[in-house]
Amino acid sequence: MGLESVELVLAFEEVFQISISDQEAERMRTPRDVIDCISAKLDATVHGDAVVIRSKEESAWVQLTNALRTSGMTDGANRDQKLDEVFANRGSRQQQWRQLQQQLKTKVWPHLRWFGLSTDFPAHLKTLGDLSDWMSHHHLQRLAEDELKALTRADIALLIKHIVLDQLGLPEEKYGEDKRFVEDMGLN
C-alpha cells in the first residue's frame, strides 16, 4: 500500500470510528467496496435517504452564508455561485480566504494552490456549494454515537465520496462508486 492509500484508509477509520484491517483494505478496490465494508461494520440501514449527512450539510450552509454576509464578502449566496466570483480579486484572495476561516472559527481549512503569481482553489472546490459540502464532511471527524447509529448506506456513500475527493484532490466528475482507486482515480 502506498502512502496515499494508507492516508485514505486512516481517514475512513477516523470519520467512522472503526478499524479496517490490512486484508480488508487490500480488498477495497472501488468506493463501492469501501461503502459495503463500512455499512456492514456499522450495520447501516440499506434503504433510505442520507438523513444525518444532509442535516450536517444544511448546518454548514447556514454557517458559511452567515460568515460570508457578516464579513461583507457577499449579500446573498447560492450554492452554484463560483468561488472565483466571490473571491474575484486575486490580490486579496489569500487574505479573504483566511478571514473566512477565522470567521468560521475552524482550525482545518482547504489550502489555496499557488501558481506563480496566482492563487487558485483546489480542483474539487469550484462553488460555494462545494465549499459548504467540504465543511460538512471534513468536520465530521467525530460523529456522535447516536449519529453513527443512525447512518444509512446513503449517508456512508456520501461521506465516502467526499473523503475520497478531499484526500485525492479530485474534481467530482472523476468520482464514481465503481471506479477503481488505482486505475481510474490515480491512487498511489
Protein backbone atom coordinates (compact mmCIF):
# COMPACT_ATOMS: atom_id res chain seq x y z
CA MET A 1 0.00 0.00 0.00
CA GLY A 2 1.27 3.46 -0.89
CA LEU A 3 1.19 6.48 1.39
CA GLU A 4 -1.98 7.87 -0.26
CA SER A 5 -3.72 4.51 0.28
CA VAL A 6 -2.78 4.43 3.94
CA GLU A 7 -3.95 8.03 4.46
CA LEU A 8 -7.25 7.25 2.75
CA VAL A 9 -7.88 4.21 4.97
CA LEU A 10 -6.95 6.25 8.05
CA ALA A 11 -9.47 8.92 7.02
CA PHE A 12 -12.20 6.27 6.71
CA GLU A 13 -11.30 4.86 10.14
CA GLU A 14 -11.27 8.28 11.77
CA VAL A 15 -14.59 9.51 10.39
CA PHE A 16 -16.48 6.27 11.00
CA GLN A 17 -14.60 5.38 14.22
CA ILE A 18 -13.87 1.84 13.05
CA SER A 19 -10.83 -0.29 12.41
CA ILE A 20 -10.04 -1.60 8.94
CA SER A 21 -7.59 -4.49 8.75
CA ASP A 22 -4.86 -4.64 6.11
CA GLN A 23 -6.66 -7.55 4.47
CA GLU A 24 -9.92 -5.58 4.29
CA ALA A 25 -8.09 -2.54 2.91
CA GLU A 26 -6.48 -4.63 0.15
CA ARG A 27 -9.94 -5.82 -0.97
CA MET A 28 -11.20 -2.21 -1.25
CA ARG A 29 -10.57 -1.53 -4.92
CA THR A 30 -13.55 0.83 -5.50
CA PRO A 31 -15.57 3.25 -3.38
CA ARG A 32 -18.45 0.73 -3.53
CA ASP A 33 -16.19 -1.84 -1.82
CA VAL A 34 -15.47 0.70 0.95
CA ILE A 35 -19.16 1.60 1.31
CA ASP A 36 -20.13 -2.09 1.57
CA CYS A 37 -17.42 -2.81 4.15
CA ILE A 38 -18.25 0.17 6.36
CA SER A 39 -22.01 -0.35 6.01
CA ALA A 40 -21.56 -3.94 7.23
CA LYS A 41 -19.34 -2.87 10.14
CA LEU A 42 -21.85 -0.23 11.25
CA ASP A 43 -24.87 -2.37 10.47
CA ALA A 44 -26.26 0.54 8.46
CA THR A 45 -29.78 0.63 7.07
CA VAL A 46 -29.60 -0.33 3.41
CA HIS A 47 -32.53 1.77 2.25
CA GLY A 48 -33.32 5.37 2.96
CA ASP A 49 -32.04 8.86 2.34
CA ALA A 50 -28.85 10.39 3.69
CA VAL A 51 -30.55 11.87 6.75
CA VAL A 52 -27.65 12.53 9.15
CA ILE A 53 -25.33 13.92 6.49
CA ARG A 54 -28.00 16.08 4.86
CA SER A 55 -28.66 17.68 8.25
CA LYS A 56 -24.93 18.41 8.66
CA GLU A 57 -24.82 19.87 5.14
CA GLU A 58 -27.71 22.24 5.87
CA SER A 59 -25.99 23.41 9.05
CA ALA A 60 -22.70 24.01 7.20
CA TRP A 61 -24.50 26.03 4.50
CA VAL A 62 -26.11 28.30 7.12
CA GLN A 63 -22.75 28.83 8.85
CA LEU A 64 -21.00 29.60 5.55
CA THR A 65 -23.59 32.07 4.27
CA ASN A 66 -23.73 33.85 7.64
CA ALA A 67 -19.93 34.17 7.71
CA LEU A 68 -19.85 35.50 4.13
CA ARG A 69 -22.56 38.02 4.91
CA THR A 70 -21.01 39.12 8.22
CA SER A 71 -17.58 39.63 6.64
CA GLY A 72 -19.14 41.61 3.77
CA MET A 73 -17.99 39.21 1.04
CA THR A 74 -21.49 38.71 -0.35
CA ASP A 75 -25.03 39.83 0.41
CA GLY A 76 -26.81 36.78 -0.92
CA ALA A 77 -25.21 33.48 -1.79
CA ASN A 78 -26.35 30.46 -3.73
CA ARG A 79 -24.81 27.00 -3.89
CA ASP A 80 -23.90 27.33 -7.59
CA GLN A 81 -22.03 30.61 -7.13
CA LYS A 82 -18.40 30.21 -8.23
CA LEU A 83 -15.69 30.74 -5.63
CA ASP A 84 -13.77 32.70 -8.29
CA GLU A 85 -16.68 35.19 -8.34
CA VAL A 86 -16.93 35.55 -4.55
CA PHE A 87 -13.14 35.87 -4.22
CA ALA A 88 -12.65 37.68 -7.56
CA ASN A 89 -9.72 39.87 -6.50
CA ARG A 90 -6.70 37.57 -6.80
CA GLY A 91 -4.53 40.11 -4.98
CA SER A 92 -6.56 39.84 -1.77
CA ARG A 93 -7.87 36.28 -2.25
CA GLN A 94 -5.47 34.69 0.25
CA GLN A 95 -6.32 37.30 2.90
CA GLN A 96 -10.10 36.96 2.35
CA TRP A 97 -9.81 33.15 2.41
CA ARG A 98 -8.07 33.30 5.82
CA GLN A 99 -10.60 35.87 7.02
CA LEU A 100 -13.44 33.48 6.16
CA GLN A 101 -11.67 30.67 8.03
CA GLN A 102 -11.32 32.90 11.10
CA GLN A 103 -14.95 33.98 10.83
CA LEU A 104 -15.98 30.29 10.82
CA LYS A 105 -13.59 29.57 13.74
CA THR A 106 -12.24 26.42 12.13
CA LYS A 107 -8.73 25.04 12.56
CA VAL A 108 -8.75 22.93 9.40
CA TRP A 109 -9.29 24.72 6.10
CA PRO A 110 -8.56 23.91 2.44
CA HIS A 111 -5.30 25.36 1.17
CA LEU A 112 -5.27 27.53 -1.91
CA ARG A 113 -2.93 26.37 -4.66
CA TRP A 114 -0.15 28.76 -5.58
CA PHE A 115 0.91 29.03 -9.22
CA GLY A 116 3.44 31.79 -9.78
CA LEU A 117 1.53 34.99 -9.16
CA SER A 118 -1.87 33.33 -8.92
CA THR A 119 -3.78 31.56 -6.17
CA ASP A 120 -6.36 29.01 -7.20
CA PHE A 121 -8.90 26.94 -5.34
CA PRO A 122 -8.38 23.18 -5.04
CA ALA A 123 -9.76 21.27 -8.06
CA HIS A 124 -12.64 19.81 -6.05
CA LEU A 125 -13.82 23.23 -4.78
CA LYS A 126 -15.42 25.27 -7.56
CA THR A 127 -18.60 26.66 -5.97
CA LEU A 128 -19.91 27.81 -2.60
CA GLY A 129 -21.90 24.56 -2.54
CA ASP A 130 -18.66 22.57 -2.90
CA LEU A 131 -17.12 24.53 -0.02
CA SER A 132 -20.20 24.00 2.14
CA ASP A 133 -20.13 20.26 1.41
CA TRP A 134 -16.41 20.17 2.22
CA MET A 135 -17.11 21.89 5.54
CA SER A 136 -19.87 19.48 6.48
CA HIS A 137 -17.89 16.36 5.61
CA HIS A 138 -14.47 17.48 6.74
CA HIS A 139 -15.74 18.43 10.16
CA LEU A 140 -17.41 15.08 10.72
CA GLN A 141 -14.18 13.68 12.12
CA ARG A 142 -16.01 12.72 15.28
CA LEU A 143 -19.60 11.73 14.67
CA ALA A 144 -21.62 11.44 17.85
CA GLU A 145 -22.54 7.89 18.88
CA ASP A 146 -26.23 8.43 18.09
CA GLU A 147 -25.27 9.84 14.66
CA LEU A 148 -23.13 6.79 13.92
CA LYS A 149 -26.02 4.50 14.80
CA ALA A 150 -28.40 6.49 12.58
CA LEU A 151 -26.23 6.40 9.44
CA THR A 152 -27.83 4.87 6.39
CA ARG A 153 -25.94 3.37 3.47
CA ALA A 154 -26.69 6.61 1.59
CA ASP A 155 -25.06 8.63 4.41
CA ILE A 156 -21.98 6.40 4.24
CA ALA A 157 -21.83 6.64 0.44
CA LEU A 158 -21.98 10.43 0.60
CA LEU A 159 -19.26 10.60 3.23
CA ILE A 160 -17.02 8.20 1.30
CA LYS A 161 -17.41 10.31 -1.81
CA HIS A 162 -16.31 13.48 -0.04
CA ILE A 163 -13.47 11.78 1.79
CA VAL A 164 -12.12 10.36 -1.49
CA LEU A 165 -12.48 13.67 -3.34
CA ASP A 166 -10.81 15.57 -0.50
CA GLN A 167 -7.98 13.10 0.11
CA LEU A 168 -7.15 12.64 -3.57
CA GLY A 169 -7.88 16.25 -4.58
CA LEU A 170 -10.12 15.10 -7.42
CA PRO A 171 -12.90 17.01 -9.16
CA GLU A 172 -16.33 15.44 -8.69
CA GLU A 173 -16.56 14.21 -12.30
CA LYS A 174 -13.63 11.83 -11.71
CA TYR A 175 -15.52 10.03 -8.92
CA GLY A 176 -17.78 7.04 -9.30
CA GLU A 177 -18.68 4.26 -6.88
CA ASP A 178 -17.48 1.64 -9.36
CA LYS A 179 -14.32 3.44 -10.45
CA ARG A 180 -11.12 1.76 -9.31
CA PHE A 181 -8.92 3.74 -6.93
CA VAL A 182 -5.62 2.93 -8.63
CA GLU A 183 -6.51 2.57 -12.30
CA ASP A 184 -9.27 5.19 -12.62
CA MET A 185 -8.55 7.70 -9.84
CA GLY A 186 -4.75 7.58 -9.78
CA LEU A 187 -4.32 6.47 -6.16
CA ASN A 188 -0.73 5.56 -5.28
